[in-house]
Structure formats: structure tokens, C-alpha cells
Amino acid sequence: MPEEQEPKQTEEELAFYAPSYVCMTVLAVILFPPLGLPAIFFSYKTTQANKNSEWEEAYVNSGRTGWLDVFAILIGLGIIYYYALMV
């Protein structure tokens, strides 16, 4: 049974990779999971779209990931700041 090989991508295609924001997504999950968990999903979808050379879908999902990450981090830091002032 032959193994299915992943399609080889050219250097030009690799240059189009949309960012998946993995490190920022991990931080978002730690600080505010209600928005961090959907960010994991969109980060995964970005990675899959990049591998399949579906650039438009990759960039849409990358944008969603980035916004969810930023909002999750800001809300999480805001909650920490609020509780730090209350103590």
C-alpha cells in the first residue's frame, strides 16, 4: 500500500504562509479561555489551509485568530489588574 505524500510547496508558496499565532494563542488560553479556545480552532484551521495552499482561507482564519488572541489577552490582563487593585 503506497504512502500518501504531502504535496511539496515551492519557495514562493511558503512565502505566502499566513501567521497562525501559536504562542499568542497559548497565552490567550491561559489568560482568558472563553476566547482563547476558539482561537486554537482558528489557528488550527490556518495551519491546515496553509498546508493545502488555500491562501484566502488561511488569511481569513489568521485574522480571526489574531483578533481573538488580542481580545483574550487584554480581557485576561484586565481581570488580573482589577483583582490586583481590589486586594
N, C-alpha and C. Protein backbone atom coordinates (compact mmCIF):
# COMPACT_ATOMS: atom_id res chain seq x y z
N MET A 1 0.84 -1.17 0.00
CA MET A 1 0.00 0.00 0.00
C MET A 1 0.90 1.25 0.00
N PRO A 2 0.82 2.07 -1.03
CA PRO A 2 1.71 3.24 -1.10
C PRO A 2 1.29 4.31 -0.09
N GLU A 3 2.33 4.94 0.46
CA GLU A 3 2.06 6.02 1.42
C GLU A 3 1.65 7.28 0.67
N GLU A 4 0.70 8.00 1.26
CA GLU A 4 0.28 9.25 0.66
C GLU A 4 1.26 10.34 1.08
N GLN A 5 1.89 10.98 0.12
CA GLN A 5 2.86 12.02 0.41
C GLN A 5 2.17 13.38 0.41
N GLU A 6 2.64 14.24 1.30
CA GLU A 6 2.12 15.61 1.30
C GLU A 6 2.64 16.33 0.07
N PRO A 7 1.82 17.19 -0.51
CA PRO A 7 2.30 17.90 -1.70
C PRO A 7 3.45 18.83 -1.34
N LYS A 8 4.44 18.86 -2.20
CA LYS A 8 5.59 19.74 -2.00
C LYS A 8 5.20 21.16 -2.41
N GLN A 9 5.57 22.11 -1.58
CA GLN A 9 5.27 23.51 -1.89
C GLN A 9 6.55 24.22 -2.29
N THR A 10 6.41 25.13 -3.23
CA THR A 10 7.57 25.87 -3.70
C THR A 10 7.94 26.95 -2.69
N GLU A 11 9.11 27.55 -2.88
CA GLU A 11 9.56 28.64 -2.01
C GLU A 11 8.59 29.81 -2.06
N GLU A 12 8.04 30.07 -3.25
CA GLU A 12 7.09 31.18 -3.40
C GLU A 12 5.82 30.91 -2.59
N GLU A 13 5.36 29.66 -2.61
CA GLU A 13 4.17 29.32 -1.84
C GLU A 13 4.43 29.41 -0.34
N LEU A 14 5.60 28.99 0.09
CA LEU A 14 5.94 29.07 1.51
C LEU A 14 5.99 30.52 1.98
N ALA A 15 6.30 31.45 1.09
CA ALA A 15 6.34 32.87 1.45
C ALA A 15 4.95 33.42 1.72
N PHE A 16 3.91 32.76 1.22
CA PHE A 16 2.54 33.22 1.40
C PHE A 16 1.90 32.71 2.69
N TYR A 17 2.61 31.91 3.45
CA TYR A 17 2.02 31.34 4.67
C TYR A 17 1.46 32.44 5.56
N ALA A 18 0.21 32.27 5.97
CA ALA A 18 -0.42 33.20 6.91
C ALA A 18 0.04 32.84 8.32
N PRO A 19 0.27 33.82 9.18
CA PRO A 19 0.70 33.51 10.55
C PRO A 19 -0.41 32.82 11.34
N SER A 20 -0.04 31.82 12.12
CA SER A 20 -1.04 31.09 12.91
C SER A 20 -1.06 31.53 14.37
N TYR A 21 -0.11 32.36 14.79
CA TYR A 21 -0.09 32.95 16.13
C TYR A 21 -0.16 31.90 17.25
N VAL A 22 0.63 30.85 17.15
CA VAL A 22 0.56 29.75 18.12
C VAL A 22 0.93 30.22 19.53
N CYS A 23 2.03 30.94 19.67
CA CYS A 23 2.46 31.38 21.01
C CYS A 23 1.45 32.34 21.62
N MET A 24 0.95 33.26 20.82
CA MET A 24 -0.04 34.20 21.33
C MET A 24 -1.34 33.49 21.69
N THR A 25 -1.69 32.44 20.95
CA THR A 25 -2.89 31.68 21.25
C THR A 25 -2.75 30.94 22.57
N VAL A 26 -1.58 30.39 22.84
CA VAL A 26 -1.36 29.71 24.12
C VAL A 26 -1.51 30.69 25.28
N LEU A 27 -0.93 31.88 25.13
CA LEU A 27 -1.08 32.91 26.16
C LEU A 27 -2.55 33.32 26.33
N ALA A 28 -3.28 33.41 25.23
CA ALA A 28 -4.69 33.77 25.29
C ALA A 28 -5.50 32.71 26.03
N VAL A 29 -5.19 31.44 25.81
CA VAL A 29 -5.90 30.36 26.50
C VAL A 29 -5.62 30.43 28.00
N ILE A 30 -4.41 30.75 28.37
CA ILE A 30 -4.05 30.84 29.79
C ILE A 30 -4.77 32.01 30.46
N LEU A 31 -4.80 33.16 29.78
CA LEU A 31 -5.35 34.36 30.41
C LEU A 31 -6.88 34.44 30.36
N PHE A 32 -7.50 34.00 29.26
CA PHE A 32 -8.96 34.09 29.14
C PHE A 32 -9.46 32.98 28.21
N PRO A 33 -9.67 31.78 28.76
CA PRO A 33 -10.05 30.62 27.94
C PRO A 33 -11.32 30.78 27.09
N PRO A 34 -12.34 31.54 27.52
CA PRO A 34 -13.52 31.65 26.65
C PRO A 34 -13.23 32.20 25.26
N LEU A 35 -12.23 33.02 25.11
CA LEU A 35 -11.83 33.49 23.77
C LEU A 35 -10.59 32.76 23.26
N GLY A 36 -9.80 32.22 24.16
CA GLY A 36 -8.59 31.51 23.76
C GLY A 36 -8.87 30.18 23.08
N LEU A 37 -9.91 29.50 23.53
CA LEU A 37 -10.23 28.20 22.94
C LEU A 37 -10.70 28.32 21.49
N PRO A 38 -11.59 29.26 21.15
CA PRO A 38 -11.91 29.43 19.72
C PRO A 38 -10.68 29.85 18.90
N ALA A 39 -9.77 30.57 19.52
CA ALA A 39 -8.54 30.97 18.82
C ALA A 39 -7.71 29.75 18.45
N ILE A 40 -7.71 28.73 19.31
CA ILE A 40 -7.00 27.48 18.98
C ILE A 40 -7.59 26.86 17.71
N PHE A 41 -8.91 26.85 17.63
CA PHE A 41 -9.59 26.28 16.46
C PHE A 41 -9.19 27.03 15.19
N PHE A 42 -9.23 28.36 15.23
CA PHE A 42 -8.89 29.14 14.04
C PHE A 42 -7.40 29.05 13.71
N SER A 43 -6.56 28.91 14.72
CA SER A 43 -5.13 28.72 14.48
C SER A 43 -4.90 27.39 13.76
N TYR A 44 -5.61 26.36 14.19
CA TYR A 44 -5.51 25.05 13.53
C TYR A 44 -6.00 25.13 12.09
N LYS A 45 -7.13 25.83 11.88
CA LYS A 45 -7.66 25.97 10.53
C LYS A 45 -6.69 26.75 9.63
N THR A 46 -6.00 27.73 10.20
CA THR A 46 -5.00 28.48 9.45
C THR A 46 -3.86 27.57 9.01
N THR A 47 -3.38 26.74 9.93
CA THR A 47 -2.29 25.82 9.61
C THR A 47 -2.70 24.85 8.51
N GLN A 48 -3.92 24.31 8.61
CA GLN A 48 -4.39 23.37 7.60
C GLN A 48 -4.54 24.05 6.24
N ALA A 49 -5.09 25.26 6.22
CA ALA A 49 -5.24 25.98 4.95
C ALA A 49 -3.88 26.30 4.34
N ASN A 50 -2.90 26.64 5.17
CA ASN A 50 -1.54 26.89 4.67
C ASN A 50 -0.98 25.64 4.01
N LYS A 51 -1.16 24.49 4.65
CA LYS A 51 -0.62 23.24 4.10
C LYS A 51 -1.28 22.88 2.78
N ASN A 52 -2.57 23.25 2.62
CA ASN A 52 -3.31 22.92 1.41
C ASN A 52 -3.26 24.03 0.36
N SER A 53 -2.44 25.04 0.59
CA SER A 53 -2.28 26.18 -0.33
C SER A 53 -3.59 26.93 -0.56
N GLU A 54 -4.45 26.97 0.44
CA GLU A 54 -5.70 27.73 0.38
C GLU A 54 -5.46 29.07 1.07
N TRP A 55 -4.83 29.99 0.33
CA TRP A 55 -4.31 31.21 0.94
C TRP A 55 -5.40 32.12 1.46
N GLU A 56 -6.50 32.25 0.73
CA GLU A 56 -7.57 33.16 1.17
C GLU A 56 -8.16 32.69 2.49
N GLU A 57 -8.45 31.41 2.59
CA GLU A 57 -8.98 30.85 3.84
C GLU A 57 -7.96 30.98 4.97
N ALA A 58 -6.70 30.77 4.65
CA ALA A 58 -5.65 30.87 5.66
C ALA A 58 -5.58 32.28 6.23
N TYR A 59 -5.64 33.29 5.37
CA TYR A 59 -5.55 34.67 5.85
C TYR A 59 -6.79 35.09 6.62
N VAL A 60 -7.97 34.61 6.22
CA VAL A 60 -9.19 34.92 6.97
C VAL A 60 -9.11 34.33 8.37
N ASN A 61 -8.74 33.06 8.45
CA ASN A 61 -8.63 32.41 9.76
C ASN A 61 -7.50 33.00 10.60
N SER A 62 -6.43 33.42 9.95
CA SER A 62 -5.34 34.05 10.68
C SER A 62 -5.79 35.37 11.31
N GLY A 63 -6.56 36.14 10.58
CA GLY A 63 -7.09 37.39 11.12
C GLY A 63 -8.00 37.15 12.31
N ARG A 64 -8.85 36.15 12.19
CA ARG A 64 -9.74 35.81 13.31
C ARG A 64 -8.93 35.38 14.54
N THR A 65 -7.92 34.58 14.29
CA THR A 65 -7.06 34.13 15.39
C THR A 65 -6.40 35.31 16.08
N GLY A 66 -5.85 36.20 15.30
CA GLY A 66 -5.17 37.37 15.86
C GLY A 66 -6.08 38.23 16.71
N TRP A 67 -7.28 38.52 16.20
CA TRP A 67 -8.22 39.35 16.97
C TRP A 67 -8.68 38.65 18.24
N LEU A 68 -9.00 37.37 18.14
CA LEU A 68 -9.40 36.64 19.35
C LEU A 68 -8.28 36.62 20.38
N ASP A 69 -7.06 36.43 19.92
CA ASP A 69 -5.91 36.42 20.83
C ASP A 69 -5.75 37.77 21.53
N VAL A 70 -5.81 38.84 20.76
CA VAL A 70 -5.63 40.17 21.34
C VAL A 70 -6.72 40.47 22.37
N PHE A 71 -7.97 40.20 22.02
CA PHE A 71 -9.06 40.46 22.96
C PHE A 71 -8.95 39.58 24.21
N ALA A 72 -8.60 38.32 24.03
CA ALA A 72 -8.46 37.42 25.18
C ALA A 72 -7.34 37.88 26.11
N ILE A 73 -6.22 38.29 25.55
CA ILE A 73 -5.10 38.75 26.37
C ILE A 73 -5.46 40.04 27.09
N LEU A 74 -6.10 40.97 26.40
CA LEU A 74 -6.48 42.23 27.04
C LEU A 74 -7.50 42.02 28.15
N ILE A 75 -8.50 41.19 27.89
CA ILE A 75 -9.51 40.91 28.92
C ILE A 75 -8.87 40.19 30.10
N GLY A 76 -8.03 39.20 29.83
CA GLY A 76 -7.36 38.47 30.90
C GLY A 76 -6.48 39.36 31.75
N LEU A 77 -5.70 40.23 31.10
CA LEU A 77 -4.86 41.16 31.86
C LEU A 77 -5.71 42.18 32.61
N GLY A 78 -6.83 42.58 32.02
CA GLY A 78 -7.74 43.50 32.71
C GLY A 78 -8.32 42.88 33.97
N ILE A 79 -8.68 41.61 33.90
CA ILE A 79 -9.21 40.91 35.07
C ILE A 79 -8.14 40.80 36.15
N ILE A 80 -6.93 40.45 35.76
CA ILE A 80 -5.83 40.36 36.72
C ILE A 80 -5.57 41.72 37.36
N TYR A 81 -5.54 42.77 36.55
CA TYR A 81 -5.31 44.12 37.05
C TYR A 81 -6.42 44.53 38.02
N TYR A 82 -7.66 44.23 37.67
CA TYR A 82 -8.81 44.58 38.52
C TYR A 82 -8.69 43.89 39.88
N TYR A 83 -8.41 42.60 39.88
CA TYR A 83 -8.29 41.87 41.15
C TYR A 83 -7.05 42.28 41.94
N ALA A 84 -5.99 42.69 41.25
CA ALA A 84 -4.80 43.16 41.95
C ALA A 84 -5.07 44.47 42.68
N LEU A 85 -5.91 45.32 42.10
CA LEU A 85 -6.26 46.59 42.75
C LEU A 85 -7.24 46.40 43.90
N MET A 86 -8.05 45.36 43.82
CA MET A 86 -9.06 45.13 44.85
C MET A 86 -8.47 44.52 46.11
N VAL A 87 -7.31 43.92 46.02
CA VAL A 87 -6.71 43.25 47.18
C VAL A 87 -5.82 44.19 47.95
